[in-house]
């Protein structure tokens, strides 16, 4: 219906010109402008609602996707993720260093999404006052493969540590590029399903480290 209204507003000026009524044309012109501005807000709101609905669907699908559990070589996986994100990393001038990573056990598709989301989040919340840097390291301890994704971004205040994994929670609502607050929620749901764990360590103004724990390869 908003589209129909848009078409009507486009036709109206032409119809007024044909009527040769200048006074009416002058009176209606500001009204058309107001209507067009309202249409912009309607469309923007509709688009935002669609994004939120798509996000809810993405979260709900995590529990229904079939799992294919097996050993995962994390080194080629991280190489593939960084190749996919090359343009984004270059655009934000972010350097990424990946150490030699141990294998783990999990579903390759969902583990890939975990690390893609973590690196994507790190890029979004970089501190513009200094060059961006992300490091990924890993080790095995007590039958668990432990990975640390560390950035030198804006960091997180301690009171938000428990909230960042909640749906639609955004660390920086004023940042238009910060997304809809679904990335960490999806990560948390995936980790629960894989029998893993995701935690965070951070110092506000200095950066954050997200710690991913998955079963190691026996």
Protein backbone atom coordinates (compact mmCIF):
# COMPACT_ATOMS: atom_id res chain seq x y z
CA UNK A 1 0.00 0.00 0.00
CA UNK A 2 2.93 2.32 0.63
CA UNK A 3 4.08 1.58 -2.91
CA UNK A 4 0.64 2.50 -4.25
CA UNK A 5 0.78 5.75 -2.31
CA UNK A 6 4.21 6.49 -3.78
CA UNK A 7 2.89 6.07 -7.32
CA UNK A 8 -0.07 8.34 -6.55
CA UNK A 9 2.28 11.04 -5.26
CA UNK A 10 4.29 10.83 -8.47
CA UNK A 11 1.17 11.29 -10.61
CA UNK A 12 -0.27 14.14 -8.55
CA UNK A 13 2.12 16.94 -9.68
CA UNK A 14 1.47 16.10 -13.35
CA UNK A 15 -2.29 16.17 -12.82
CA UNK A 16 -2.02 19.53 -11.06
CA UNK A 17 -0.01 20.97 -13.94
CA UNK A 18 -2.69 19.84 -16.37
CA UNK A 19 -5.35 21.63 -14.33
CA UNK A 20 -3.62 25.01 -14.85
CA UNK A 21 -4.42 25.89 -11.25
CA UNK A 22 -1.21 27.45 -9.93
CA UNK A 23 -2.58 28.23 -6.47
CA UNK A 24 -3.66 24.64 -5.97
CA UNK A 25 -0.28 23.40 -7.21
CA UNK A 26 1.55 25.62 -4.69
CA UNK A 27 -0.73 24.47 -1.86
CA UNK A 28 -0.34 20.77 -2.60
CA UNK A 29 3.44 20.78 -3.24
CA UNK A 30 4.49 20.96 0.47
CA UNK A 31 1.92 18.29 1.32
CA UNK A 32 3.43 15.93 -1.23
CA UNK A 33 6.86 16.57 0.30
CA UNK A 34 5.55 15.68 3.76
CA UNK A 35 3.92 12.52 2.42
CA UNK A 36 7.14 11.43 0.73
CA UNK A 37 9.08 11.98 3.96
CA UNK A 38 6.54 9.86 5.85
CA UNK A 39 6.88 7.15 3.22
CA UNK A 40 10.62 7.09 3.83
CA UNK A 41 10.06 6.44 7.55
CA UNK A 42 7.47 3.75 6.78
CA UNK A 43 9.84 1.93 4.43
CA UNK A 44 12.74 2.26 6.86
CA UNK A 45 10.63 0.82 9.68
CA UNK A 46 9.45 -2.02 7.48
CA UNK A 47 12.99 -2.88 6.44
CA UNK A 48 14.13 -2.90 10.08
CA UNK A 49 11.26 -5.21 11.03
CA UNK A 50 12.24 -7.55 8.19
CA UNK A 51 15.83 -7.66 9.43
CA UNK A 52 14.65 -8.49 12.97
CA UNK A 53 12.35 -11.25 11.69
CA UNK A 54 15.15 -12.70 9.55
CA UNK A 55 17.37 -12.63 12.64
CA UNK A 56 14.81 -14.50 14.73
CA UNK A 57 14.52 -17.12 12.00
CA UNK A 58 18.31 -17.47 11.86
CA UNK A 59 18.46 -18.05 15.62
CA UNK A 60 15.56 -20.51 15.58
CA UNK A 61 17.07 -22.54 12.72
CA UNK A 62 20.25 -23.25 14.70
CA UNK A 63 18.43 -25.87 16.76
CA UNK A 64 16.92 -27.60 13.73
CA UNK A 65 19.91 -27.86 11.41
CA UNK A 66 21.37 -31.40 11.28
CA UNK A 67 24.82 -31.70 12.84
CA UNK A 68 27.75 -33.41 11.17
CA UNK A 69 30.20 -33.87 14.02
CA UNK A 70 33.78 -34.71 13.19
CA UNK A 71 37.38 -33.54 13.51
CA UNK A 72 38.04 -30.00 12.25
CA UNK A 73 41.37 -28.61 11.11
CA UNK A 74 41.02 -25.02 12.26
CA UNK A 75 43.97 -23.65 10.29
CA UNK A 76 42.47 -23.98 6.77
CA UNK A 77 39.09 -22.95 8.17
CA UNK A 78 40.50 -19.64 9.47
CA UNK A 79 42.33 -19.12 6.18
CA UNK A 80 39.04 -19.49 4.32
CA UNK A 81 37.22 -17.11 6.67
CA UNK A 82 39.90 -14.45 6.23
CA UNK A 83 39.82 -14.83 2.43
CA UNK A 84 36.07 -14.27 2.49
CA UNK A 85 36.45 -11.20 4.71
CA UNK A 86 39.48 -9.79 2.87
CA UNK A 87 37.68 -6.76 1.45
CA UNK A 88 36.09 -5.89 4.79
CA UNK A 89 39.42 -6.20 6.62
CA UNK A 90 41.26 -4.10 4.06
CA UNK A 91 38.54 -1.44 4.08
CA UNK A 92 38.83 -1.08 7.86
CA UNK A 93 42.65 -1.43 7.76
CA UNK A 94 42.54 -4.31 10.26
CA UNK A 95 45.47 -6.69 10.54
CA UNK A 96 44.77 -10.29 11.55
CA UNK A 97 47.37 -12.71 12.92
CA UNK A 98 46.52 -16.39 13.29
CA UNK A 99 48.80 -18.72 15.23
CA UNK A 100 49.00 -22.47 14.61
CA UNK A 101 45.68 -23.80 15.91
CA UNK A 102 44.88 -27.24 17.36
CA UNK A 103 42.18 -29.46 15.91
CA UNK A 104 38.78 -29.69 17.55
CA UNK A 105 35.60 -31.75 17.26
CA UNK A 106 32.40 -30.16 16.00
CA UNK A 107 30.19 -29.34 13.05
CA UNK A 108 32.35 -27.55 10.44
CA UNK A 109 29.58 -25.29 9.16
CA UNK A 110 28.54 -24.07 12.60
CA UNK A 111 32.10 -23.70 13.92
CA UNK A 112 32.87 -21.67 10.80
CA UNK A 113 29.93 -19.40 11.63
CA UNK A 114 31.19 -18.95 15.20
CA UNK A 115 34.61 -17.68 14.12
CA UNK A 116 33.19 -15.67 11.22
CA UNK A 117 30.86 -13.87 13.61
CA UNK A 118 33.63 -13.27 16.16
CA UNK A 119 35.98 -11.71 13.61
CA UNK A 120 33.13 -9.74 12.05
CA UNK A 121 32.18 -8.36 15.48
CA UNK A 122 35.78 -7.46 16.24
CA UNK A 123 35.99 -5.46 13.00
CA UNK A 124 32.71 -3.64 13.71
CA UNK A 125 33.81 -2.56 17.19
CA UNK A 126 37.32 -1.38 16.39
CA UNK A 127 38.55 1.85 17.97
CA UNK A 128 38.92 4.38 15.11
CA UNK A 129 41.70 6.18 17.00
CA UNK A 130 44.24 3.37 16.46
CA UNK A 131 45.10 0.72 13.85
CA UNK A 132 42.92 -2.35 14.21
CA UNK A 133 44.49 -5.65 15.20
CA UNK A 134 43.01 -9.13 15.73
CA UNK A 135 44.89 -12.22 16.88
CA UNK A 136 43.63 -15.81 16.98
CA UNK A 137 45.48 -18.34 19.13
CA UNK A 138 44.75 -21.83 20.41
CA UNK A 139 45.86 -24.56 22.78
CA UNK A 140 44.70 -27.91 24.16
CA UNK A 141 44.05 -28.34 27.88
CA UNK A 142 42.34 -31.23 29.71
CA UNK A 143 40.72 -32.65 26.58
CA UNK A 144 39.46 -29.25 25.41
CA UNK A 145 40.59 -27.16 22.46
CA UNK A 146 40.67 -23.54 23.61
CA UNK A 147 40.74 -20.67 21.11
CA UNK A 148 41.17 -17.00 21.89
CA UNK A 149 40.05 -14.26 19.49
CA UNK A 150 41.59 -11.02 20.73
CA UNK A 151 41.10 -7.50 19.39
CA UNK A 152 42.21 -4.00 20.37
CA UNK A 153 38.78 -2.45 19.85
CA UNK A 154 36.55 -0.35 22.07
CA UNK A 155 36.19 -3.07 24.69
CA UNK A 156 33.20 -3.94 26.88
CA UNK A 157 32.26 -2.64 30.32
CA UNK A 158 32.11 -5.44 32.96
CA UNK A 159 28.39 -4.90 33.66
CA UNK A 160 27.60 -5.95 30.09
CA UNK A 161 29.56 -9.22 30.08
CA UNK A 162 26.41 -11.25 30.83
CA UNK A 163 24.18 -9.30 28.43
CA UNK A 164 26.18 -9.36 25.22
CA UNK A 165 24.99 -12.87 24.37
CA UNK A 166 21.32 -11.86 24.70
CA UNK A 167 19.30 -11.44 21.52
CA UNK A 168 19.29 -7.93 20.01
CA UNK A 169 21.78 -6.57 22.58
CA UNK A 170 24.13 -4.13 20.83
CA UNK A 171 27.32 -2.83 22.40
CA UNK A 172 27.23 0.40 20.44
CA UNK A 173 23.63 1.31 19.42
CA UNK A 174 24.83 4.62 17.93
CA UNK A 175 27.03 2.79 15.44
CA UNK A 176 25.00 2.22 12.25
CA UNK A 177 27.39 -0.57 11.22
CA UNK A 178 27.04 -2.57 14.44
CA UNK A 179 24.28 -4.81 13.11
CA UNK A 180 21.19 -5.99 14.98
CA UNK A 181 22.83 -7.65 17.97
CA UNK A 182 22.41 -11.23 16.74
CA UNK A 183 25.99 -12.35 16.09
CA UNK A 184 26.89 -13.25 19.66
CA UNK A 185 23.44 -14.75 20.32
CA UNK A 186 23.92 -17.11 17.38
CA UNK A 187 27.41 -17.99 18.64
CA UNK A 188 26.06 -18.77 22.11
CA UNK A 189 23.31 -21.04 20.74
CA UNK A 190 25.76 -22.87 18.50
CA UNK A 191 28.19 -23.45 21.35
CA UNK A 192 25.42 -24.85 23.55
CA UNK A 193 24.44 -27.26 20.81
CA UNK A 194 28.03 -28.40 20.20
CA UNK A 195 28.69 -28.95 23.90
CA UNK A 196 31.18 -26.09 23.93
CA UNK A 197 31.49 -22.79 25.74
CA UNK A 198 31.96 -19.12 24.86
CA UNK A 199 33.17 -16.54 27.40
CA UNK A 200 34.60 -13.05 27.21
CA UNK A 201 37.38 -11.09 28.87
CA UNK A 202 37.54 -7.37 28.19
CA UNK A 203 38.83 -4.03 29.39
CA UNK A 204 36.82 -1.03 28.29
CA UNK A 205 38.81 1.16 25.94
CA UNK A 206 41.53 -1.45 25.33
CA UNK A 207 39.92 -4.44 23.64
CA UNK A 208 38.28 -7.82 24.14
CA UNK A 209 39.11 -11.51 24.06
CA UNK A 210 36.45 -14.10 23.26
CA UNK A 211 37.34 -17.59 24.45
CA UNK A 212 35.89 -20.53 22.54
CA UNK A 213 36.09 -24.01 24.08
CA UNK A 214 35.32 -27.14 22.04
CA UNK A 215 36.07 -30.82 22.54
CA UNK A 216 39.49 -31.72 21.18
CA UNK A 217 40.11 -34.61 18.79
CA UNK A 218 40.65 -37.89 20.64
